[in-house]
PDB file of N, CA and C in Angstrom:
ATOM      1  N   MET A   1      -1.996  15.379  -1.787  1.00  0.00           N
ATOM      2  CA  MET A   1      -0.919  15.259  -1.644  1.00  0.00           C
ATOM      3  C   MET A   1      -0.178  14.501  -3.119  1.00  0.00           C
ATOM      4  N   ILE A   2       0.968  14.874  -3.399  1.00  0.00           N
ATOM      5  CA  ILE A   2       1.363  14.271  -4.725  1.00  0.00           C
ATOM      6  C   ILE A   2       1.607  12.956  -3.952  1.00  0.00           C
ATOM      7  N   PRO A   3       1.507  11.492  -4.661  1.00  0.00           N
ATOM      8  CA  PRO A   3       1.978  10.368  -4.254  1.00  0.00           C
ATOM      9  C   PRO A   3       3.525  10.005  -4.341  1.00  0.00           C
ATOM     10  N   LYS A   4       4.336   9.102  -3.878  1.00  0.00           N
ATOM     11  CA  LYS A   4       5.425   8.977  -4.112  1.00  0.00           C
ATOM     12  C   LYS A   4       6.123   7.597  -3.464  1.00  0.00           C
ATOM     13  N   TYR A   5       6.652   7.132  -4.324  1.00  0.00           N
ATOM     14  CA  TYR A   5       7.118   5.317  -3.627  1.00  0.00           C
ATOM     15  C   TYR A   5       8.493   5.649  -2.843  1.00  0.00           C
ATOM     16  N   HIS A   6       8.321   4.856  -1.706  1.00  0.00           N
ATOM     17  CA  HIS A   6       9.678   4.871  -1.155  1.00  0.00           C
ATOM     18  C   HIS A   6       9.961   3.557  -0.471  1.00  0.00           C
ATOM     19  N   ASP A   7      11.330   2.872  -0.191  1.00  0.00           N
ATOM     20  CA  ASP A   7      11.578   1.891  -0.229  1.00  0.00           C
ATOM     21  C   ASP A   7      10.969   0.767   0.980  1.00  0.00           C
ATOM     22  N   ARG A   8      10.381   1.391   1.715  1.00  0.00           N
ATOM     23  CA  ARG A   8       9.944   0.320   3.073  1.00  0.00           C
ATOM     24  C   ARG A   8       8.163   0.557   2.975  1.00  0.00           C
ATOM     25  N   ILE A   9       7.778   0.929   1.858  1.00  0.00           N
ATOM     26  CA  ILE A   9       6.178   1.483   2.038  1.00  0.00           C
ATOM     27  C   ILE A   9       5.330   0.156   2.515  1.00  0.00           C
ATOM     28  N   TYR A  10       5.992  -0.938   2.182  1.00  0.00           N
ATOM     29  CA  TYR A  10       5.139  -2.063   2.757  1.00  0.00           C
ATOM     30  C   TYR A  10       4.853  -2.005   4.278  1.00  0.00           C
ATOM     31  N   ALA A  11       6.192  -1.049   5.212  1.00  0.00           N
ATOM     32  CA  ALA A  11       5.774  -0.954   6.495  1.00  0.00           C
ATOM     33  C   ALA A  11       4.963  -0.310   7.346  1.00  0.00           C
ATOM     34  N   GLY A  12       4.020   0.284   6.148  1.00  0.00           N
ATOM     35  CA  GLY A  12       2.889   1.022   6.586  1.00  0.00           C
ATOM     36  C   GLY A  12       3.073   2.918   6.746  1.00  0.00           C
ATOM     37  N   ILE A  13       4.045   3.146   6.117  1.00  0.00           N
ATOM     38  CA  ILE A  13       3.863   4.784   6.068  1.00  0.00           C
ATOM     39  C   ILE A  13       3.516   5.092   4.436  1.00  0.00           C
ATOM     40  N   ASN A  14       2.047   5.206   3.979  1.00  0.00           N
ATOM     41  CA  ASN A  14       1.423   5.292   2.537  1.00  0.00           C
ATOM     42  C   ASN A  14       1.438   6.533   2.443  1.00  0.00           C
ATOM     43  N   THR A  15       2.822   6.779   1.458  1.00  0.00           N
ATOM     44  CA  THR A  15       2.996   8.083   0.752  1.00  0.00           C
ATOM     45  C   THR A  15       2.452   8.032  -0.780  1.00  0.00           C
ATOM     46  N   ILE A  16       1.344   6.875  -0.883  1.00  0.00           N
ATOM     47  CA  ILE A  16       0.727   6.964  -2.300  1.00  0.00           C
ATOM     48  C   ILE A  16      -0.434   7.398  -2.267  1.00  0.00           C
ATOM     49  N   SER A  17      -1.698   6.410  -1.476  1.00  0.00           N
ATOM     50  CA  SER A  17      -2.720   6.748  -0.691  1.00  0.00           C
ATOM     51  C   SER A  17      -3.749   5.874  -1.318  1.00  0.00           C
ATOM     52  N   CYS A  18      -4.678   5.554  -1.176  1.00  0.00           N
ATOM     53  CA  CYS A  18      -5.622   4.180  -1.688  1.00  0.00           C
ATOM     54  C   CYS A  18      -5.393   3.992  -3.125  1.00  0.00           C
ATOM     55  N   PRO A  19      -5.868   2.759  -3.620  1.00  0.00           N
ATOM     56  CA  PRO A  19      -5.720   2.360  -4.678  1.00  0.00           C
ATOM     57  C   PRO A  19      -6.572   3.124  -5.876  1.00  0.00           C
ATOM     58  N   SER A  20      -7.149   3.717  -5.246  1.00  0.00           N
ATOM     59  CA  SER A  20      -7.907   4.317  -6.419  1.00  0.00           C
ATOM     60  C   SER A  20      -7.492   5.594  -7.128  1.00  0.00           C
ATOM     61  N   VAL A  21      -5.904   6.046  -6.361  1.00  0.00           N
ATOM     62  CA  VAL A  21      -5.034   6.745  -7.479  1.00  0.00           C
ATOM     63  C   VAL A  21      -4.335   6.260  -8.418  1.00  0.00           C
ATOM     64  N   LEU A  22      -4.611   4.657  -8.353  1.00  0.00           N
ATOM     65  CA  LEU A  22      -3.678   3.866  -9.258  1.00  0.00           C
ATOM     66  C   LEU A  22      -4.205   3.718 -10.885  1.00  0.00           C
ATOM     67  N   THR A  23      -3.652   3.482 -11.881  1.00  0.00           N
ATOM     68  CA  THR A  23      -4.292   3.174 -12.744  1.00  0.00           C
ATOM     69  C   THR A  23      -3.214   2.720 -13.719  1.00  0.00           C
ATOM     70  N   PHE A  24      -3.658   1.252 -14.712  1.00  0.00           N
ATOM     71  CA  PHE A  24      -2.241   0.484 -14.824  1.00  0.00           C
ATOM     72  C   PHE A  24      -3.172  -0.467 -15.857  1.00  0.00           C
ATOM     73  N   ARG A  25      -2.264  -1.163 -16.897  1.00  0.00           N
ATOM     74  CA  ARG A  25      -3.326  -1.987 -17.628  1.00  0.00           C
ATOM     75  C   ARG A  25      -3.888  -3.415 -16.871  1.00  0.00           C
ATOM     76  N   ASN A  26      -4.541  -3.821 -17.033  1.00  0.00           N
ATOM     77  CA  ASN A  26      -5.253  -5.175 -16.861  1.00  0.00           C
ATOM     78  C   ASN A  26      -4.614  -6.240 -17.847  1.00  0.00           C
ATOM     79  N   GLU A  27      -3.333  -6.167 -17.736  1.00  0.00           N
ATOM     80  CA  GLU A  27      -2.655  -7.391 -18.381  1.00  0.00           C
ATOM     81  C   GLU A  27      -2.005  -8.321 -17.320  1.00  0.00           C
ATOM     82  N   ASN A  28      -2.265  -9.157 -16.765  1.00  0.00           N
ATOM     83  CA  ASN A  28      -1.904 -10.410 -16.177  1.00  0.00           C
ATOM     84  C   ASN A  28      -1.853  -9.924 -14.450  1.00  0.00           C
ATOM     85  N   PRO A  29      -2.957  -9.320 -14.382  1.00  0.00           N
ATOM     86  CA  PRO A  29      -2.692  -8.381 -13.382  1.00  0.00           C
ATOM     87  C   PRO A  29      -2.443  -8.955 -11.768  1.00  0.00           C
ATOM     88  N   LEU A  30      -1.963  -8.389 -10.867  1.00  0.00           N
ATOM     89  CA  LEU A  30      -1.519  -8.616  -9.546  1.00  0.00           C
ATOM     90  C   LEU A  30      -3.267  -8.613  -8.726  1.00  0.00           C
ATOM     91  N   LEU A  31      -3.078  -9.446  -7.902  1.00  0.00           N
ATOM     92  CA  LEU A  31      -4.306  -9.515  -6.581  1.00  0.00           C
ATOM     93  C   LEU A  31      -3.807  -9.086  -5.389  1.00  0.00           C
ATOM     94  N   LEU A  32      -4.895  -8.169  -5.013  1.00  0.00           N
ATOM     95  CA  LEU A  32      -4.317  -7.832  -3.483  1.00  0.00           C
ATOM     96  C   LEU A  32      -4.564  -8.950  -2.794  1.00  0.00           C
ATOM     97  N   ASP A  33      -3.577  -8.749  -1.794  1.00  0.00           N
ATOM     98  CA  ASP A  33      -3.454 -10.043  -0.722  1.00  0.00           C
ATOM     99  C   ASP A  33      -4.636 -10.192   0.191  1.00  0.00           C
ATOM    100  N   GLU A  34      -5.626 -10.811   0.167  1.00  0.00           N
ATOM    101  CA  GLU A  34      -6.780 -11.043   0.768  1.00  0.00           C
ATOM    102  C   GLU A  34      -6.592 -11.427   2.837  1.00  0.00           C
ATOM    103  N   SER A  35      -5.290 -11.901   2.730  1.00  0.00           N
ATOM    104  CA  SER A  35      -5.030 -12.119   4.558  1.00  0.00           C
ATOM    105  C   SER A  35      -4.673 -10.776   5.111  1.00  0.00           C
ATOM    106  N   LEU A  36      -4.477 -10.153   4.303  1.00  0.00           N
ATOM    107  CA  LEU A  36      -4.090  -8.765   4.950  1.00  0.00           C
ATOM    108  C   LEU A  36      -5.664  -7.943   4.949  1.00  0.00           C
ATOM    109  N   ASN A  37      -5.612  -6.994   6.503  1.00  0.00           N
ATOM    110  CA  ASN A  37      -6.750  -6.128   6.159  1.00  0.00           C
ATOM    111  C   ASN A  37      -6.424  -4.581   6.432  1.00  0.00           C
ATOM    112  N   TRP A  38      -5.310  -4.246   7.181  1.00  0.00           N
ATOM    113  CA  TRP A  38      -5.085  -2.899   7.091  1.00  0.00           C
ATOM    114  C   TRP A  38      -3.643  -2.390   6.114  1.00  0.00           C
ATOM    115  N   LEU A  39      -3.117  -3.028   5.715  1.00  0.00           N
ATOM    116  CA  LEU A  39      -1.840  -2.931   5.023  1.00  0.00           C
ATOM    117  C   LEU A  39      -1.925  -3.712   3.704  1.00  0.00           C
ATOM    118  N   VAL A  40      -3.166  -3.624   3.168  1.00  0.00           N
ATOM    119  CA  VAL A  40      -3.399  -4.246   2.087  1.00  0.00           C
ATOM    120  C   VAL A  40      -3.250  -3.608   0.852  1.00  0.00           C
ATOM    121  N   ASP A  41      -2.883  -1.993   0.927  1.00  0.00           N
ATOM    122  CA  ASP A  41      -2.619  -1.581  -0.240  1.00  0.00           C
ATOM    123  C   ASP A  41      -1.044  -1.208  -0.535  1.00  0.00           C
ATOM    124  N   VAL A  42      -0.451  -0.771   0.528  1.00  0.00           N
ATOM    125  CA  VAL A  42       0.719  -0.891   0.722  1.00  0.00           C
ATOM    126  C   VAL A  42       1.808  -1.790   0.430  1.00  0.00           C
ATOM    127  N   GLU A  43       1.169  -2.717   0.902  1.00  0.00           N
ATOM    128  CA  GLU A  43       1.893  -4.215   0.604  1.00  0.00           C
ATOM    129  C   GLU A  43       1.480  -4.672  -0.957  1.00  0.00           C
ATOM    130  N   TYR A  44       0.575  -4.094  -1.303  1.00  0.00           N
ATOM    131  CA  TYR A  44       0.382  -4.517  -3.127  1.00  0.00           C
ATOM    132  C   TYR A  44       1.016  -3.456  -3.747  1.00  0.00           C
ATOM    133  N   TYR A  45       1.411  -1.979  -3.201  1.00  0.00           N
ATOM    134  CA  TYR A  45       2.636  -1.295  -3.951  1.00  0.00           C
ATOM    135  C   TYR A  45       3.832  -1.827  -4.003  1.00  0.00           C
ATOM    136  N   LYS A  46       4.005  -2.551  -2.963  1.00  0.00           N
ATOM    137  CA  LYS A  46       5.647  -3.008  -2.963  1.00  0.00           C
ATOM    138  C   LYS A  46       5.537  -4.075  -3.757  1.00  0.00           C
ATOM    139  N   ARG A  47       4.587  -4.820  -4.290  1.00  0.00           N
ATOM    140  CA  ARG A  47       4.563  -5.936  -5.080  1.00  0.00           C
ATOM    141  C   ARG A  47       4.360  -5.466  -6.701  1.00  0.00           C
ATOM    142  N   LEU A  48       3.866  -4.351  -6.550  1.00  0.00           N
ATOM    143  CA  LEU A  48       3.881  -3.321  -8.167  1.00  0.00           C
ATOM    144  C   LEU A  48       5.246  -3.264  -8.421  1.00  0.00           C
ATOM    145  N   TYR A  49       5.785  -2.279  -7.478  1.00  0.00           N
ATOM    146  CA  TYR A  49       7.338  -2.077  -7.749  1.00  0.00           C
ATOM    147  C   TYR A  49       8.215  -3.160  -7.598  1.00  0.00           C
ATOM    148  N   ASN A  50       7.999  -4.078  -7.061  1.00  0.00           N
ATOM    149  CA  ASN A  50       8.837  -5.527  -7.485  1.00  0.00           C
ATOM    150  C   ASN A  50       8.743  -5.928  -9.122  1.00  0.00           C
ATOM    151  N   ARG A  51       7.224  -6.089  -9.168  1.00  0.00           N
ATOM    152  CA  ARG A  51       7.271  -6.573 -10.926  1.00  0.00           C
ATOM    153  C   ARG A  51       7.604  -5.246 -11.617  1.00  0.00           C
ATOM    154  N   TYR A  52       7.032  -3.927 -11.721  1.00  0.00           N
ATOM    155  CA  TYR A  52       7.453  -3.004 -12.580  1.00  0.00           C
ATOM    156  C   TYR A  52       8.184  -1.962 -12.413  1.00  0.00           C
ATOM    157  N   GLY A  53       8.878  -1.692 -11.132  1.00  0.00           N
ATOM    158  CA  GLY A  53       9.733  -0.794 -10.755  1.00  0.00           C
ATOM    159  C   GLY A  53       8.999   0.727 -10.283  1.00  0.00           C
ATOM    160  N   LEU A  54       9.241   1.331 -10.634  1.00  0.00           N
ATOM    161  CA  LEU A  54       8.788   2.715 -10.071  1.00  0.00           C
ATOM    162  C   LEU A  54       7.865   3.359 -10.724  1.00  0.00           C
ATOM    163  N   PRO A  55       6.590   3.729  -9.962  1.00  0.00           N
ATOM    164  CA  PRO A  55       5.855   4.058 -10.577  1.00  0.00           C
ATOM    165  C   PRO A  55       6.055   5.452 -11.383  1.00  0.00           C
ATOM    166  N   PHE A  56       5.469   5.765 -12.342  1.00  0.00           N
ATOM    167  CA  PHE A  56       5.154   6.799 -13.123  1.00  0.00           C
ATOM    168  C   PHE A  56       4.221   7.789 -12.242  1.00  0.00           C
ATOM    169  N   ILE A  57       4.533   9.255 -11.966  1.00  0.00           N
ATOM    170  CA  ILE A  57       3.845   9.885 -11.089  1.00  0.00           C
ATOM    171  C   ILE A  57       3.147  11.099 -11.810  1.00  0.00           C
ATOM    172  N   ILE A  58       1.731  10.970 -12.046  1.00  0.00           N
ATOM    173  CA  ILE A  58       1.127  12.354 -12.411  1.00  0.00           C
ATOM    174  C   ILE A  58       0.892  13.153 -11.535  1.00  0.00           C
ATOM    175  N   GLU A  59       1.412  14.764 -11.648  1.00  0.00           N
ATOM    176  CA  GLU A  59       1.334  15.543 -10.744  1.00  0.00           C
ATOM    177  C   GLU A  59       0.029  16.271 -10.787  1.00  0.00           C
ATOM    178  N   ASP A  60      -0.627  16.074 -11.827  1.00  0.00           N
ATOM    179  CA  ASP A  60      -1.931  16.745 -11.787  1.00  0.00           C
ATOM    180  C   ASP A  60      -3.093  15.943 -10.636  1.00  0.00           C
ATOM    181  N   ILE A  61      -3.985  16.774 -10.031  1.00  0.00           N
ATOM    182  CA  ILE A  61      -4.943  16.263  -9.212  1.00  0.00           C
ATOM    183  C   ILE A  61      -6.072  15.766  -9.721  1.00  0.00           C
ATOM    184  N   CYS A  62      -6.304  14.279  -9.819  1.00  0.00           N
ATOM    185  CA  CYS A  62      -6.692  13.435 -10.447  1.00  0.00           C
ATOM    186  C   CYS A  62      -8.119  12.837  -9.864  1.00  0.00           C
ATOM    187  N   THR A  63      -7.822  12.929  -8.272  1.00  0.00           N
ATOM    188  CA  THR A  63      -8.696  12.222  -7.463  1.00  0.00           C
ATOM    189  C   THR A  63      -8.536  12.724  -6.331  1.00  0.00           C
ATOM    190  N   VAL A  64      -9.487  12.597  -5.374  1.00  0.00           N
ATOM    191  CA  VAL A  64      -9.785  13.591  -4.414  1.00  0.00           C
ATOM    192  C   VAL A  64     -10.342  12.219  -3.385  1.00  0.00           C
ATOM    193  N   ASN A  65      -9.337  12.095  -2.188  1.00  0.00           N
ATOM    194  CA  ASN A  65      -9.924  11.209  -1.067  1.00  0.00           C
ATOM    195  C   ASN A  65      -9.786  11.746   0.560  1.00  0.00           C
ATOM    196  N   ARG A  66     -10.758  11.404   1.191  1.00  0.00           N
ATOM    197  CA  ARG A  66     -11.236  12.141   2.397  1.00  0.00           C
ATOM    198  C   ARG A  66     -11.120  11.026   3.627  1.00  0.00           C
ATOM    199  N   GLU A  67     -10.541  11.535   4.572  1.00  0.00           N
ATOM    200  CA  GLU A  67      -9.986  10.779   5.658  1.00  0.00           C
ATOM    201  C   GLU A  67     -11.866  10.559   6.465  1.00  0.00           C
ATOM    202  N   SER A  68     -12.018   9.672   7.142  1.00  0.00           N
ATOM    203  CA  SER A  68     -13.135   9.622   7.857  1.00  0.00           C
ATOM    204  C   SER A  68     -12.704   8.839   9.401  1.00  0.00           C
ATOM    205  N   GLU A  69     -13.923   9.366  10.586  1.00  0.00           N
ATOM    206  CA  GLU A  69     -13.438   8.733  11.769  1.00  0.00           C
ATOM    207  C   GLU A  69     -14.408   7.346  11.238  1.00  0.00           C
ATOM    208  N   ILE A  70     -14.733   6.643  10.542  1.00  0.00           N
ATOM    209  CA  ILE A  70     -14.910   5.323  10.267  1.00  0.00           C
ATOM    210  C   ILE A  70     -14.344   4.731   9.294  1.00  0.00           C
ATOM    211  N   SER A  71     -13.133   5.228   8.968  1.00  0.00           N
ATOM    212  CA  SER A  71     -12.189   4.441   8.238  1.00  0.00           C
ATOM    213  C   SER A  71     -11.828   3.155   8.974  1.00  0.00           C
ATOM    214  N   LEU A  72     -11.502   2.196   8.121  1.00  0.00           N
ATOM    215  CA  LEU A  72     -10.697   1.127   8.746  1.00  0.00           C
ATOM    216  C   LEU A  72      -9.602   1.747   9.596  1.00  0.00           C
ATOM    217  N   THR A  73      -8.857   2.669   8.650  1.00  0.00           N
ATOM    218  CA  THR A  73      -7.332   3.086  10.027  1.00  0.00           C
ATOM    219  C   THR A  73      -7.813   3.448  11.162  1.00  0.00           C
ATOM    220  N   ASN A  74      -8.906   3.977  11.327  1.00  0.00           N
ATOM    221  CA  ASN A  74      -9.519   5.041  13.005  1.00  0.00           C
ATOM    222  C   ASN A  74     -10.064   3.112  13.521  1.00  0.00           C
ATOM    223  N   MET A  75     -10.633   2.685  12.923  1.00  0.00           N
ATOM    224  CA  MET A  75     -11.268   1.421  13.461  1.00  0.00           C
ATOM    225  C   MET A  75     -10.907   0.212  14.182  1.00  0.00           C
ATOM    226  N   ILE A  76      -9.747  -0.159  13.534  1.00  0.00           N
ATOM    227  CA  ILE A  76      -8.757  -1.142  13.366  1.00  0.00           C
ATOM    228  C   ILE A  76      -8.202  -1.231  14.682  1.00  0.00           C
ATOM    229  N   LYS A  77      -7.997  -1.765  15.741  1.00  0.00           N
ATOM    230  CA  LYS A  77      -7.500  -1.657  16.821  1.00  0.00           C
ATOM    231  C   LYS A  77      -5.970  -1.915  16.757  1.00  0.00           C
ATOM    232  N   ILE A  78      -5.129  -1.260  17.749  1.00  0.00           N
ATOM    233  CA  ILE A  78      -3.703  -1.171  17.667  1.00  0.00           C
ATOM    234  C   ILE A  78      -3.094  -2.477  17.654  1.00  0.00           C
ATOM    235  N   SER A  79      -3.601  -3.190  18.655  1.00  0.00           N
ATOM    236  CA  SER A  79      -2.761  -4.404  18.359  1.00  0.00           C
ATOM    237  C   SER A  79      -2.881  -5.049  17.098  1.00  0.00           C
ATOM    238  N   GLU A  80      -4.141  -5.125  16.422  1.00  0.00           N
ATOM    239  CA  GLU A  80      -4.193  -5.800  15.070  1.00  0.00           C
ATOM    240  C   GLU A  80      -3.450  -5.005  14.152  1.00  0.00           C
ATOM    241  N   LYS A  81      -3.271  -3.682  14.057  1.00  0.00           N
ATOM    242  CA  LYS A  81      -2.170  -2.655  13.324  1.00  0.00           C
ATOM    243  C   LYS A  81      -0.751  -3.191  13.651  1.00  0.00           C
ATOM    244  N   GLN A  82      -0.249  -3.563  14.762  1.00  0.00           N
ATOM    245  CA  GLN A  82       1.006  -4.084  15.118  1.00  0.00           C
ATOM    246  C   GLN A  82       1.187  -5.106  14.716  1.00  0.00           C
ATOM    247  N   GLU A  83       0.424  -6.221  14.767  1.00  0.00           N
ATOM    248  CA  GLU A  83       0.241  -7.764  14.214  1.00  0.00           C
ATOM    249  C   GLU A  83       0.381  -7.426  12.807  1.00  0.00           C
ATOM    250  N   GLU A  84      -0.070  -7.123  11.840  1.00  0.00           N
ATOM    251  CA  GLU A  84      -0.105  -7.275  10.581  1.00  0.00           C
ATOM    252  C   GLU A  84       1.115  -6.241   9.896  1.00  0.00           C
ATOM    253  N   THR A  85       1.432  -5.475  10.918  1.00  0.00           N
ATOM    254  CA  THR A  85       2.666  -4.369  10.400  1.00  0.00           C
ATOM    255  C   THR A  85       4.183  -5.179  10.729  1.00  0.00           C
ATOM    256  N   LEU A  86       3.913  -6.249  11.659  1.00  0.00           N
ATOM    257  CA  LEU A  86       5.173  -7.170  11.636  1.00  0.00           C
ATOM    258  C   LEU A  86       5.044  -8.233  10.600  1.00  0.00           C
ATOM    259  N   ARG A  87       3.819  -8.508  10.796  1.00  0.00           N
ATOM    260  CA  ARG A  87       3.824  -9.683   9.817  1.00  0.00           C
ATOM    261  C   ARG A  87       4.529  -9.624   8.494  1.00  0.00           C
ATOM    262  N   VAL A  88       4.339  -8.412   7.957  1.00  0.00           N
ATOM    263  CA  VAL A  88       4.266  -7.846   6.769  1.00  0.00           C
ATOM    264  C   VAL A  88       5.680  -7.316   6.531  1.00  0.00           C
ATOM    265  N   ILE A  89       6.721  -6.654   7.636  1.00  0.00           N
ATOM    266  CA  ILE A  89       7.844  -6.467   7.682  1.00  0.00           C
ATOM    267  C   ILE A  89       8.771  -7.424   7.473  1.00  0.00           C
ATOM    268  N   LYS A  90       8.107  -8.727   8.159  1.00  0.00           N
ATOM    269  CA  LYS A  90       9.124  -9.972   8.236  1.00  0.00           C
ATOM    270  C   LYS A  90       8.823 -10.696   6.466  1.00  0.00           C
ATOM    271  N   MET A  91       7.918 -10.362   5.904  1.00  0.00           N
ATOM    272  CA  MET A  91       7.768 -11.153   4.902  1.00  0.00           C
ATOM    273  C   MET A  91       8.754 -10.446   3.864  1.00  0.00           C
ATOM    274  N   TYR A  92       9.030  -9.183   3.686  1.00  0.00           N
ATOM    275  CA  TYR A  92       9.832  -8.495   2.951  1.00  0.00           C
ATOM    276  C   TYR A  92      10.970  -8.380   3.586  1.00  0.00           C
ATOM    277  N   GLU A  93      11.556  -8.255   4.767  1.00  0.00           N
ATOM    278  CA  GLU A  93      12.574  -8.038   5.038  1.00  0.00           C
ATOM    279  C   GLU A  93      13.516  -9.098   5.338  1.00  0.00           C
ATOM    280  N   ASN A  94      12.291 -10.388   5.462  1.00  0.00           N
ATOM    281  CA  ASN A  94      13.168 -11.933   5.692  1.00  0.00           C
ATOM    282  C   ASN A  94      13.789 -11.652   4.481  1.00  0.00           C
ATOM    283  N   THR A  95      13.477 -11.766   3.310  1.00  0.00           N
ATOM    284  CA  THR A  95      13.162 -12.160   1.705  1.00  0.00           C
ATOM    285  C   THR A  95      14.609 -11.412   1.323  1.00  0.00           C
ATOM    286  N   GLN A  96      14.955 -10.156   1.499  1.00  0.00           N
ATOM    287  CA  GLN A  96      16.203  -9.398   1.597  1.00  0.00           C
ATOM    288  C   GLN A  96      17.583  -9.780   2.184  1.00  0.00           C
ATOM    289  N   ASN A  97      17.498 -10.869   2.712  1.00  0.00           N
ATOM    290  CA  ASN A  97      18.645 -11.437   3.378  1.00  0.00           C
ATOM    291  C   ASN A  97      19.500 -12.252   2.354  1.00  0.00           C
TER     292      ASN A  97
END
């Protein structure tokens, strides 16, 4: 897939992929939110957007990611996904009012 950013990426619809598809200068880096388990990547993408704006997308294939039955997405409980998703949505949507 070609990565793309959308305004509600933090809500769990990951259209970018895993962080291995990113490249950026390591000047004053943003750190991952260690309180998150499942949405750590998409919440990070939201904060990158807030700091730097839309990403520049390279449409050439530069990395390959595979899905696995032992990935966190497939192993985490639905209730944990729901709780974390609601928590992240509240974090961003309450600050936009």
